[in-house]
Amino acid sequence: MPLAEPTPVRVGPDDVDEVRAFLSACDLTVAGLADPGVRLWAVRGATGAVVGTTGYETGPDGRHALLRSVAVGPALRGSGRGAALARFAMADATAGGAQRAWLFSRRSGPFWQGLGFAPADRAELATVLAGTTQVELFRTTGQLGREVAWSRPLVAPVPFVP
């Protein structure tokens, strides 16, 4: 029986440790989750445990959003929940003025391509998103050179005019 589609809830300080453990189990970057510039949401299952997350950081000009922490637990993979969480973060970033979404992913290219992402220039990503937690971590640790960048434009919804 499919689970209901709960709305992602903004992660607060009391949730960060549980979200960090969930993302670690999903083998995703956990640096900076409590940083005020990181917008992060979680979805909880019937037992109250985190079963999905999504989030992003914006660059200095606010026009670029770095998607991060988009994950679902093993039981939900292939259900469309990951795509829904990614779209949720992109919609929020668009509402905040972002015009382009970026991300790093070495393993999930086909998933991101299905959401309209195309391979992107890693150096350009690092430039337009300089100062974000994930970019600075990857730059400092030398991981930036091993990452694969992806990008897509974000389109604001067109208001209905009768």
Protein backbone atom coordinates (compact mmCIF):
# COMPACT_ATOMS: atom_id res chain seq x y z
CA MET A 1 0.00 0.00 0.00
CA PRO A 2 1.57 3.35 -0.99
CA LEU A 3 2.25 5.90 1.69
CA ALA A 4 0.37 9.19 1.72
CA GLU A 5 2.28 12.17 0.35
CA PRO A 6 3.12 14.17 3.46
CA THR A 7 4.27 17.74 2.94
CA PRO A 8 7.93 18.33 3.71
CA VAL A 9 8.40 20.23 6.97
CA ARG A 10 11.21 22.73 7.52
CA VAL A 11 14.01 21.22 9.59
CA GLY A 12 14.58 22.99 12.90
CA PRO A 13 17.52 22.84 15.29
CA ASP A 14 16.01 19.89 17.18
CA ASP A 15 15.79 17.86 13.94
CA VAL A 16 19.33 18.37 12.61
CA ASP A 17 20.94 15.38 14.33
CA GLU A 18 18.28 12.98 13.04
CA VAL A 19 18.50 14.45 9.53
CA ARG A 20 22.31 14.21 9.68
CA ALA A 21 22.06 10.51 10.58
CA PHE A 22 19.55 9.91 7.76
CA LEU A 23 21.73 11.69 5.17
CA SER A 24 24.84 9.87 6.40
CA ALA A 25 23.04 6.56 5.91
CA CYS A 26 22.18 7.74 2.36
CA ASP A 27 25.88 8.61 1.78
CA LEU A 28 25.22 12.32 1.22
CA THR A 29 27.13 15.37 2.43
CA VAL A 30 26.10 16.45 5.93
CA ALA A 31 28.27 19.55 6.37
CA GLY A 32 26.49 22.76 7.23
CA LEU A 33 23.02 21.35 7.82
CA ALA A 34 22.47 23.74 10.72
CA ASP A 35 23.87 26.73 8.80
CA PRO A 36 21.23 29.48 8.53
CA GLY A 37 21.82 29.71 4.76
CA VAL A 38 20.82 26.08 4.21
CA ARG A 39 17.11 25.60 3.63
CA LEU A 40 16.26 22.04 4.57
CA TRP A 41 13.03 20.04 4.82
CA ALA A 42 12.22 16.53 5.99
CA VAL A 43 9.39 14.09 5.46
CA ARG A 44 8.54 11.68 8.25
CA GLY A 45 6.95 8.28 7.85
CA ALA A 46 4.17 6.70 9.89
CA THR A 47 6.54 5.92 12.77
CA GLY A 48 7.84 9.50 12.90
CA ALA A 49 11.26 8.62 11.48
CA VAL A 50 12.76 10.72 8.69
CA VAL A 51 12.11 8.98 5.35
CA GLY A 52 13.04 11.80 2.96
CA THR A 53 14.81 15.13 2.82
CA THR A 54 15.39 17.99 0.42
CA GLY A 55 17.11 21.34 0.53
CA TYR A 56 19.23 23.97 -1.11
CA GLU A 57 21.57 26.88 -0.55
CA THR A 58 21.64 30.04 -2.63
CA GLY A 59 24.63 31.87 -4.00
CA PRO A 60 25.59 35.44 -3.10
CA ASP A 61 23.30 37.01 -5.71
CA GLY A 62 20.29 34.77 -4.93
CA ARG A 63 19.89 33.84 -8.61
CA HIS A 64 21.56 30.44 -8.24
CA ALA A 65 20.43 27.59 -5.98
CA LEU A 66 22.56 24.59 -5.04
CA LEU A 67 20.25 21.63 -4.47
CA ARG A 68 21.45 19.33 -1.74
CA SER A 69 20.24 16.71 0.68
CA VAL A 70 17.65 15.31 -1.75
CA ALA A 71 17.22 11.77 -0.48
CA VAL A 72 14.65 9.12 0.27
CA GLY A 73 15.09 6.00 2.33
CA PRO A 74 15.52 2.63 0.58
CA ALA A 75 11.83 1.69 0.93
CA LEU A 76 10.78 4.77 -1.07
CA ARG A 77 13.34 4.63 -3.87
CA GLY A 78 11.70 4.34 -7.26
CA SER A 79 8.38 5.66 -5.91
CA GLY A 80 8.67 9.17 -7.35
CA ARG A 81 9.16 10.67 -3.89
CA GLY A 82 12.74 11.75 -4.60
CA ALA A 83 11.63 13.61 -7.72
CA ALA A 84 8.77 15.22 -5.79
CA LEU A 85 11.21 16.37 -3.09
CA ALA A 86 13.60 17.79 -5.70
CA ARG A 87 10.72 19.67 -7.36
CA PHE A 88 9.62 20.99 -3.95
CA ALA A 89 13.08 22.49 -3.33
CA MET A 90 13.27 23.91 -6.86
CA ALA A 91 9.82 25.52 -6.48
CA ASP A 92 10.83 27.12 -3.18
CA ALA A 93 14.10 28.38 -4.67
CA THR A 94 12.22 29.79 -7.66
CA ALA A 95 9.73 31.55 -5.38
CA GLY A 96 12.73 33.10 -3.62
CA GLY A 97 14.13 34.49 -6.88
CA ALA A 98 16.53 31.76 -8.01
CA GLN A 99 16.78 31.40 -11.78
CA ARG A 100 19.09 28.38 -12.08
CA ALA A 101 19.46 25.18 -10.06
CA TRP A 102 22.80 23.41 -9.69
CA LEU A 103 23.93 20.28 -7.91
CA PHE A 104 26.75 17.82 -7.51
CA SER A 105 26.12 14.15 -8.24
CA ARG A 106 28.57 11.47 -9.25
CA ARG A 107 26.10 8.56 -9.04
CA SER A 108 22.61 9.79 -9.88
CA GLY A 109 22.96 11.41 -13.30
CA PRO A 110 19.99 9.58 -14.90
CA PHE A 111 17.72 10.64 -12.01
CA TRP A 112 18.70 14.29 -12.40
CA GLN A 113 18.48 14.17 -16.20
CA GLY A 114 14.90 12.98 -15.77
CA LEU A 115 14.24 16.25 -13.95
CA GLY A 116 15.72 18.35 -16.75
CA PHE A 117 19.30 18.67 -15.51
CA ALA A 118 22.23 18.56 -17.90
CA PRO A 119 25.95 18.18 -17.20
CA ALA A 120 27.42 21.54 -16.21
CA ASP A 121 30.78 23.19 -15.77
CA ARG A 122 32.06 22.47 -12.25
CA ALA A 123 34.16 25.67 -12.16
CA GLU A 124 31.13 27.78 -13.12
CA LEU A 125 29.09 26.15 -10.36
CA ALA A 126 31.87 26.88 -7.85
CA THR A 127 32.00 30.50 -9.02
CA VAL A 128 28.29 31.34 -8.95
CA LEU A 129 27.79 29.45 -5.68
CA ALA A 130 30.99 30.57 -3.94
CA GLY A 131 30.53 30.79 -0.20
CA THR A 132 27.93 28.05 0.05
CA THR A 133 28.72 25.39 2.61
CA GLN A 134 28.98 22.52 0.16
CA VAL A 135 31.12 24.36 -2.41
CA GLU A 136 33.53 25.62 0.23
CA LEU A 137 33.77 22.17 1.83
CA PHE A 138 34.53 20.56 -1.52
CA ARG A 139 37.03 23.30 -2.38
CA THR A 140 38.83 22.99 0.99
CA THR A 141 39.01 19.19 0.96
CA GLY A 142 40.00 18.90 -2.71
CA GLN A 143 36.80 16.99 -3.48
CA LEU A 144 35.64 19.68 -5.91
CA GLY A 145 37.86 18.28 -8.66
CA ARG A 146 36.20 14.86 -8.37
CA GLU A 147 32.61 16.07 -8.42
CA VAL A 148 30.20 16.05 -11.37
CA ALA A 149 28.13 19.21 -11.76
CA TRP A 150 24.58 19.41 -13.11
CA SER A 151 22.37 22.40 -13.86
CA ARG A 152 19.01 23.49 -15.23
CA PRO A 153 17.11 26.74 -15.53
CA LEU A 154 14.33 27.42 -13.06
CA VAL A 155 11.17 28.87 -14.49
CA ALA A 156 8.78 30.88 -12.37
CA PRO A 157 5.17 29.81 -12.78
CA VAL A 158 3.20 32.03 -15.13
CA PRO A 159 0.24 33.55 -13.30
CA PHE A 160 -3.17 32.87 -14.75
CA VAL A 161 -4.71 35.97 -16.28
CA PRO A 162 -8.35 35.58 -17.41
